[in-house]
């Protein structure tokens, strides 16, 4: 998962301020939203062992999450 500059700055602010409410909102609005987006068919960030219909390319050629190969 990658974050943009604005999201990174917000995360830094949350950590520095130890803002628990903002941290929960960040997880919901940024992290969870990116996780849900990554689950959509055609995304490169899905479980390659899980069958996905209507994906126009061979999923086995994509990296698994956390791989650096």
PDB file of N, CA and C in Angstrom:
ATOM      1  N   UNK A   1       0.846  -1.159   0.000  1.00  0.00           N
ATOM      2  CA  UNK A   1       0.000   0.000   0.000  1.00  0.00           C
ATOM      3  C   UNK A   1       0.899   1.232   0.000  1.00  0.00           C
ATOM      4  N   UNK A   2       0.550   2.172  -0.806  1.00  0.00           N
ATOM      5  CA  UNK A   2       1.307   3.409  -0.827  1.00  0.00           C
ATOM      6  C   UNK A   2       0.390   4.560  -0.417  1.00  0.00           C
ATOM      7  N   UNK A   3       1.000   5.591   0.134  1.00  0.00           N
ATOM      8  CA  UNK A   3       0.247   6.782   0.514  1.00  0.00           C
ATOM      9  C   UNK A   3       0.888   7.985  -0.160  1.00  0.00           C
ATOM     10  N   UNK A   4       0.058   8.988  -0.404  1.00  0.00           N
ATOM     11  CA  UNK A   4       0.591  10.185  -1.042  1.00  0.00           C
ATOM     12  C   UNK A   4       1.183  11.127   0.014  1.00  0.00           C
ATOM     13  N   UNK A   5       1.749  12.218  -0.424  1.00  0.00           N
ATOM     14  CA  UNK A   5       2.419  13.156   0.480  1.00  0.00           C
ATOM     15  C   UNK A   5       1.463  13.723   1.532  1.00  0.00           C
ATOM     16  N   UNK A   6       0.263  14.075   1.131  1.00  0.00           N
ATOM     17  CA  UNK A   6      -0.710  14.623   2.075  1.00  0.00           C
ATOM     18  C   UNK A   6      -1.082  13.584   3.143  1.00  0.00           C
ATOM     19  N   UNK A   7      -1.290  12.349   2.726  1.00  0.00           N
ATOM     20  CA  UNK A   7      -1.621  11.283   3.673  1.00  0.00           C
ATOM     21  C   UNK A   7      -0.458  11.014   4.630  1.00  0.00           C
ATOM     22  N   UNK A   8       0.761  11.079   4.113  1.00  0.00           N
ATOM     23  CA  UNK A   8       1.945  10.885   4.958  1.00  0.00           C
ATOM     24  C   UNK A   8       2.068  11.992   5.995  1.00  0.00           C
ATOM     25  N   UNK A   9       1.828  13.225   5.575  1.00  0.00           N
ATOM     26  CA  UNK A   9       1.902  14.352   6.505  1.00  0.00           C
ATOM     27  C   UNK A   9       0.827  14.234   7.582  1.00  0.00           C
ATOM     28  N   UNK A  10      -0.369  13.810   7.200  1.00  0.00           N
ATOM     29  CA  UNK A  10      -1.437  13.615   8.174  1.00  0.00           C
ATOM     30  C   UNK A  10      -1.052  12.523   9.168  1.00  0.00           C
ATOM     31  N   UNK A  11      -0.469  11.446   8.686  1.00  0.00           N
ATOM     32  CA  UNK A  11      -0.023  10.370   9.564  1.00  0.00           C
ATOM     33  C   UNK A  11       1.043  10.867  10.538  1.00  0.00           C
ATOM     34  N   UNK A  12       1.994  11.636  10.045  1.00  0.00           N
ATOM     35  CA  UNK A  12       3.022  12.223  10.918  1.00  0.00           C
ATOM     36  C   UNK A  12       2.387  13.091  11.999  1.00  0.00           C
ATOM     37  N   UNK A  13       1.411  13.908  11.627  1.00  0.00           N
ATOM     38  CA  UNK A  13       0.744  14.777  12.595  1.00  0.00           C
ATOM     39  C   UNK A  13       0.037  13.951  13.665  1.00  0.00           C
ATOM     40  N   UNK A  14      -0.657  12.895  13.235  1.00  0.00           N
ATOM     41  CA  UNK A  14      -1.380  12.028  14.163  1.00  0.00           C
ATOM     42  C   UNK A  14      -0.419  11.407  15.172  1.00  0.00           C
ATOM     43  N   UNK A  15       0.705  10.906  14.682  1.00  0.00           N
ATOM     44  CA  UNK A  15       1.686  10.265  15.565  1.00  0.00           C
ATOM     45  C   UNK A  15       2.287  11.273  16.534  1.00  0.00           C
ATOM     46  N   UNK A  16       2.665  12.431  16.033  1.00  0.00           N
ATOM     47  CA  UNK A  16       3.285  13.446  16.888  1.00  0.00           C
ATOM     48  C   UNK A  16       2.313  13.951  17.946  1.00  0.00           C
ATOM     49  N   UNK A  17       1.055  14.118  17.575  1.00  0.00           N
ATOM     50  CA  UNK A  17       0.049  14.623  18.511  1.00  0.00           C
ATOM     51  C   UNK A  17      -0.559  13.516  19.368  1.00  0.00           C
ATOM     52  N   UNK A  18      -0.250  12.260  19.042  1.00  0.00           N
ATOM     53  CA  UNK A  18      -0.862  11.114  19.718  1.00  0.00           C
ATOM     54  C   UNK A  18      -2.390  11.256  19.726  1.00  0.00           C
ATOM     55  N   UNK A  19      -2.924  11.613  18.556  1.00  0.00           N
ATOM     56  CA  UNK A  19      -4.348  11.897  18.378  1.00  0.00           C
ATOM     57  C   UNK A  19      -5.097  10.604  18.044  1.00  0.00           C
ATOM     58  N   UNK A  20      -5.673   9.969  19.058  1.00  0.00           N
ATOM     59  CA  UNK A  20      -6.344   8.679  18.876  1.00  0.00           C
ATOM     60  C   UNK A  20      -7.572   8.782  17.978  1.00  0.00           C
ATOM     61  N   UNK A  21      -8.349   9.835  18.117  1.00  0.00           N
ATOM     62  CA  UNK A  21      -9.546   9.991  17.278  1.00  0.00           C
ATOM     63  C   UNK A  21      -9.164  10.159  15.809  1.00  0.00           C
ATOM     64  N   UNK A  22      -8.144  10.962  15.558  1.00  0.00           N
ATOM     65  CA  UNK A  22      -7.683  11.160  14.183  1.00  0.00           C
ATOM     66  C   UNK A  22      -7.061   9.873  13.631  1.00  0.00           C
ATOM     67  N   UNK A  23      -6.417   9.095  14.494  1.00  0.00           N
ATOM     68  CA  UNK A  23      -5.827   7.830  14.057  1.00  0.00           C
ATOM     69  C   UNK A  23      -6.908   6.871  13.584  1.00  0.00           C
ATOM     70  N   UNK A  24      -7.990   6.777  14.339  1.00  0.00           N
ATOM     71  CA  UNK A  24      -9.091   5.908  13.934  1.00  0.00           C
ATOM     72  C   UNK A  24      -9.707   6.395  12.626  1.00  0.00           C
ATOM     73  N   UNK A  25      -9.897   7.684  12.494  1.00  0.00           N
ATOM     74  CA  UNK A  25     -10.448   8.245  11.259  1.00  0.00           C
ATOM     75  C   UNK A  25      -9.508   7.969  10.086  1.00  0.00           C
ATOM     76  N   UNK A  26      -8.200   8.069  10.303  1.00  0.00           N
ATOM     77  CA  UNK A  26      -7.209   7.803   9.254  1.00  0.00           C
ATOM     78  C   UNK A  26      -7.280   6.344   8.806  1.00  0.00           C
ATOM     79  N   UNK A  27      -7.373   5.448   9.780  1.00  0.00           N
ATOM     80  CA  UNK A  27      -7.475   4.023   9.434  1.00  0.00           C
ATOM     81  C   UNK A  27      -8.724   3.781   8.596  1.00  0.00           C
ATOM     82  N   UNK A  28      -9.824   4.365   8.991  1.00  0.00           N
ATOM     83  CA  UNK A  28     -11.083   4.176   8.267  1.00  0.00           C
ATOM     84  C   UNK A  28     -11.052   4.830   6.892  1.00  0.00           C
ATOM     85  N   UNK A  29     -10.646   6.080   6.847  1.00  0.00           N
ATOM     86  CA  UNK A  29     -10.747   6.866   5.609  1.00  0.00           C
ATOM     87  C   UNK A  29      -9.625   6.599   4.611  1.00  0.00           C
ATOM     88  N   UNK A  30      -8.430   6.287   5.095  1.00  0.00           N
ATOM     89  CA  UNK A  30      -7.287   6.107   4.196  1.00  0.00           C
ATOM     90  C   UNK A  30      -6.920   4.629   4.057  1.00  0.00           C
ATOM     91  N   UNK A  31      -6.567   3.998   5.162  1.00  0.00           N
ATOM     92  CA  UNK A  31      -6.067   2.625   5.104  1.00  0.00           C
ATOM     93  C   UNK A  31      -7.155   1.665   4.643  1.00  0.00           C
ATOM     94  N   UNK A  32      -8.296   1.678   5.299  1.00  0.00           N
ATOM     95  CA  UNK A  32      -9.362   0.745   4.943  1.00  0.00           C
ATOM     96  C   UNK A  32      -9.840   0.982   3.507  1.00  0.00           C
ATOM     97  N   UNK A  33      -9.944   2.235   3.113  1.00  0.00           N
ATOM     98  CA  UNK A  33     -10.365   2.542   1.745  1.00  0.00           C
ATOM     99  C   UNK A  33      -9.385   1.954   0.727  1.00  0.00           C
ATOM    100  N   UNK A  34      -8.083   2.019   1.000  1.00  0.00           N
ATOM    101  CA  UNK A  34      -7.086   1.463   0.089  1.00  0.00           C
ATOM    102  C   UNK A  34      -7.140  -0.061   0.081  1.00  0.00           C
ATOM    103  N   UNK A  35      -7.396  -0.663   1.228  1.00  0.00           N
ATOM    104  CA  UNK A  35      -7.527  -2.123   1.295  1.00  0.00           C
ATOM    105  C   UNK A  35      -8.725  -2.569   0.467  1.00  0.00           C
ATOM    106  N   UNK A  36      -9.854  -1.897   0.626  1.00  0.00           N
ATOM    107  CA  UNK A  36     -11.050  -2.263  -0.144  1.00  0.00           C
ATOM    108  C   UNK A  36     -10.818  -2.062  -1.638  1.00  0.00           C
ATOM    109  N   UNK A  37     -10.138  -1.006  -2.005  1.00  0.00           N
ATOM    110  CA  UNK A  37      -9.832  -0.756  -3.417  1.00  0.00           C
ATOM    111  C   UNK A  37      -8.949  -1.864  -3.973  1.00  0.00           C
ATOM    112  N   UNK A  38      -8.019  -2.350  -3.164  1.00  0.00           N
ATOM    113  CA  UNK A  38      -7.089  -3.386  -3.627  1.00  0.00           C
ATOM    114  C   UNK A  38      -7.770  -4.733  -3.834  1.00  0.00           C
ATOM    115  N   UNK A  39      -8.957  -4.910  -3.269  1.00  0.00           N
ATOM    116  CA  UNK A  39      -9.673  -6.172  -3.410  1.00  0.00           C
ATOM    117  C   UNK A  39     -10.470  -6.265  -4.711  1.00  0.00           C
ATOM    118  N   UNK A  40     -10.569  -5.178  -5.436  1.00  0.00           N
ATOM    119  CA  UNK A  40     -11.350  -5.173  -6.669  1.00  0.00           C
ATOM    120  C   UNK A  40     -10.662  -6.009  -7.742  1.00  0.00           C
ATOM    121  N   UNK A  41     -11.437  -6.703  -8.553  1.00  0.00           N
ATOM    122  CA  UNK A  41     -10.845  -7.471  -9.658  1.00  0.00           C
ATOM    123  C   UNK A  41     -10.015  -6.561 -10.559  1.00  0.00           C
ATOM    124  N   UNK A  42      -8.903  -7.093 -11.000  1.00  0.00           N
ATOM    125  CA  UNK A  42      -8.014  -6.319 -11.862  1.00  0.00           C
ATOM    126  C   UNK A  42      -6.923  -5.599 -11.102  1.00  0.00           C
ATOM    127  N   UNK A  43      -7.043  -5.543  -9.787  1.00  0.00           N
ATOM    128  CA  UNK A  43      -6.014  -4.916  -8.976  1.00  0.00           C
ATOM    129  C   UNK A  43      -4.830  -5.861  -8.848  1.00  0.00           C
ATOM    130  N   UNK A  44      -3.638  -5.328  -8.765  1.00  0.00           N
ATOM    131  CA  UNK A  44      -2.452  -6.167  -8.583  1.00  0.00           C
ATOM    132  C   UNK A  44      -2.269  -6.573  -7.133  1.00  0.00           C
ATOM    133  N   UNK A  45      -3.060  -6.038  -6.239  1.00  0.00           N
ATOM    134  CA  UNK A  45      -2.897  -6.309  -4.811  1.00  0.00           C
ATOM    135  C   UNK A  45      -4.010  -7.203  -4.304  1.00  0.00           C
ATOM    136  N   UNK A  46      -4.037  -8.423  -4.778  1.00  0.00           N
ATOM    137  CA  UNK A  46      -5.036  -9.377  -4.325  1.00  0.00           C
ATOM    138  C   UNK A  46      -4.351 -10.702  -4.035  1.00  0.00           C
ATOM    139  N   UNK A  47      -5.059 -11.559  -3.359  1.00  0.00           N
ATOM    140  CA  UNK A  47      -4.536 -12.878  -3.039  1.00  0.00           C
ATOM    141  C   UNK A  47      -4.479 -13.693  -4.321  1.00  0.00           C
ATOM    142  N   UNK A  48      -3.292 -14.030  -4.777  1.00  0.00           N
ATOM    143  CA  UNK A  48      -3.159 -14.737  -6.049  1.00  0.00           C
ATOM    144  C   UNK A  48      -3.679 -16.165  -5.975  1.00  0.00           C
ATOM    145  N   UNK A  49      -3.906 -16.672  -4.784  1.00  0.00           N
ATOM    146  CA  UNK A  49      -4.454 -18.019  -4.645  1.00  0.00           C
ATOM    147  C   UNK A  49      -5.978 -18.034  -4.709  1.00  0.00           C
ATOM    148  N   UNK A  50      -6.595 -16.868  -4.622  1.00  0.00           N
ATOM    149  CA  UNK A  50      -8.047 -16.761  -4.654  1.00  0.00           C
ATOM    150  C   UNK A  50      -8.505 -16.588  -6.100  1.00  0.00           C
ATOM    151  N   UNK A  51      -9.382 -17.464  -6.591  1.00  0.00           N
ATOM    152  CA  UNK A  51      -9.838 -17.309  -7.981  1.00  0.00           C
ATOM    153  C   UNK A  51     -10.651 -16.033  -8.165  1.00  0.00           C
ATOM    154  N   UNK A  52     -10.372 -15.321  -9.236  1.00  0.00           N
ATOM    155  CA  UNK A  52     -11.094 -14.089  -9.555  1.00  0.00           C
ATOM    156  C   UNK A  52     -11.585 -14.190 -10.983  1.00  0.00           C
ATOM    157  N   UNK A  53     -12.887 -14.061 -11.160  1.00  0.00           N
ATOM    158  CA  UNK A  53     -13.466 -14.126 -12.497  1.00  0.00           C
ATOM    159  C   UNK A  53     -13.267 -12.802 -13.231  1.00  0.00           C
ATOM    160  N   UNK A  54     -13.239 -12.874 -14.515  1.00  0.00           N
ATOM    161  CA  UNK A  54     -13.200 -11.709 -15.397  1.00  0.00           C
ATOM    162  C   UNK A  54     -11.940 -10.860 -15.278  1.00  0.00           C
ATOM    163  N   UNK A  55     -10.831 -11.447 -14.848  1.00  0.00           N
ATOM    164  CA  UNK A  55      -9.570 -10.725 -14.842  1.00  0.00           C
ATOM    165  C   UNK A  55      -8.874 -11.064 -16.156  1.00  0.00           C
ATOM    166  N   UNK A  56      -8.606 -10.055 -16.989  1.00  0.00           N
ATOM    167  CA  UNK A  56      -8.110 -10.299 -18.334  1.00  0.00           C
ATOM    168  C   UNK A  56      -6.644 -10.706 -18.431  1.00  0.00           C
ATOM    169  N   UNK A  57      -5.951 -10.924 -17.334  1.00  0.00           N
ATOM    170  CA  UNK A  57      -4.543 -11.317 -17.401  1.00  0.00           C
ATOM    171  C   UNK A  57      -4.276 -12.470 -16.434  1.00  0.00           C
ATOM    172  N   UNK A  58      -3.190 -13.142 -16.642  1.00  0.00           N
ATOM    173  CA  UNK A  58      -2.801 -14.265 -15.803  1.00  0.00           C
ATOM    174  C   UNK A  58      -2.353 -13.742 -14.440  1.00  0.00           C
ATOM    175  N   UNK A  59      -3.139 -13.986 -13.423  1.00  0.00           N
ATOM    176  CA  UNK A  59      -2.862 -13.465 -12.086  1.00  0.00           C
ATOM    177  C   UNK A  59      -1.562 -14.033 -11.526  1.00  0.00           C
ATOM    178  N   UNK A  60      -1.197 -15.247 -11.894  1.00  0.00           N
ATOM    179  CA  UNK A  60       0.001 -15.868 -11.336  1.00  0.00           C
ATOM    180  C   UNK A  60       1.261 -15.081 -11.654  1.00  0.00           C
ATOM    181  N   UNK A  61       1.212 -14.202 -12.638  1.00  0.00           N
ATOM    182  CA  UNK A  61       2.389 -13.416 -13.013  1.00  0.00           C
ATOM    183  C   UNK A  61       2.602 -12.219 -12.094  1.00  0.00           C
ATOM    184  N   UNK A  62       1.638 -11.910 -11.242  1.00  0.00           N
ATOM    185  CA  UNK A  62       1.735 -10.742 -10.364  1.00  0.00           C
ATOM    186  C   UNK A  62       2.365 -11.115  -9.035  1.00  0.00           C
ATOM    187  N   UNK A  63       2.956 -10.145  -8.403  1.00  0.00           N
ATOM    188  CA  UNK A  63       3.581 -10.367  -7.106  1.00  0.00           C
ATOM    189  C   UNK A  63       2.515 -10.560  -6.038  1.00  0.00           C
ATOM    190  N   UNK A  64       2.855 -11.356  -5.057  1.00  0.00           N
ATOM    191  CA  UNK A  64       2.001 -11.474  -3.884  1.00  0.00           C
ATOM    192  C   UNK A  64       2.284 -10.297  -2.974  1.00  0.00           C
ATOM    193  N   UNK A  65       1.309  -9.919  -2.161  1.00  0.00           N
ATOM    194  CA  UNK A  65       1.520  -8.847  -1.201  1.00  0.00           C
ATOM    195  C   UNK A  65       2.719  -9.192  -0.340  1.00  0.00           C
ATOM    196  N   UNK A  66       3.583  -8.228  -0.124  1.00  0.00           N
ATOM    197  CA  UNK A  66       4.742  -8.419   0.718  1.00  0.00           C
ATOM    198  C   UNK A  66       5.941  -9.000   0.005  1.00  0.00           C
ATOM    199  N   UNK A  67       5.806  -9.386  -1.263  1.00  0.00           N
ATOM    200  CA  UNK A  67       6.958  -9.937  -1.973  1.00  0.00           C
ATOM    201  C   UNK A  67       7.765  -8.798  -2.584  1.00  0.00           C
ATOM    202  N   UNK A  68       9.027  -8.995  -2.653  1.00  0.00           N
ATOM    203  CA  UNK A  68       9.911  -7.979  -3.219  1.00  0.00           C
ATOM    204  C   UNK A  68      10.684  -8.534  -4.407  1.00  0.00           C
ATOM    205  N   UNK A  69      10.219  -9.656  -4.962  1.00  0.00           N
ATOM    206  CA  UNK A  69      10.893 -10.291  -6.100  1.00  0.00           C
ATOM    207  C   UNK A  69      10.525  -9.609  -7.398  1.00  0.00           C
TER     208      UNK A  69
END
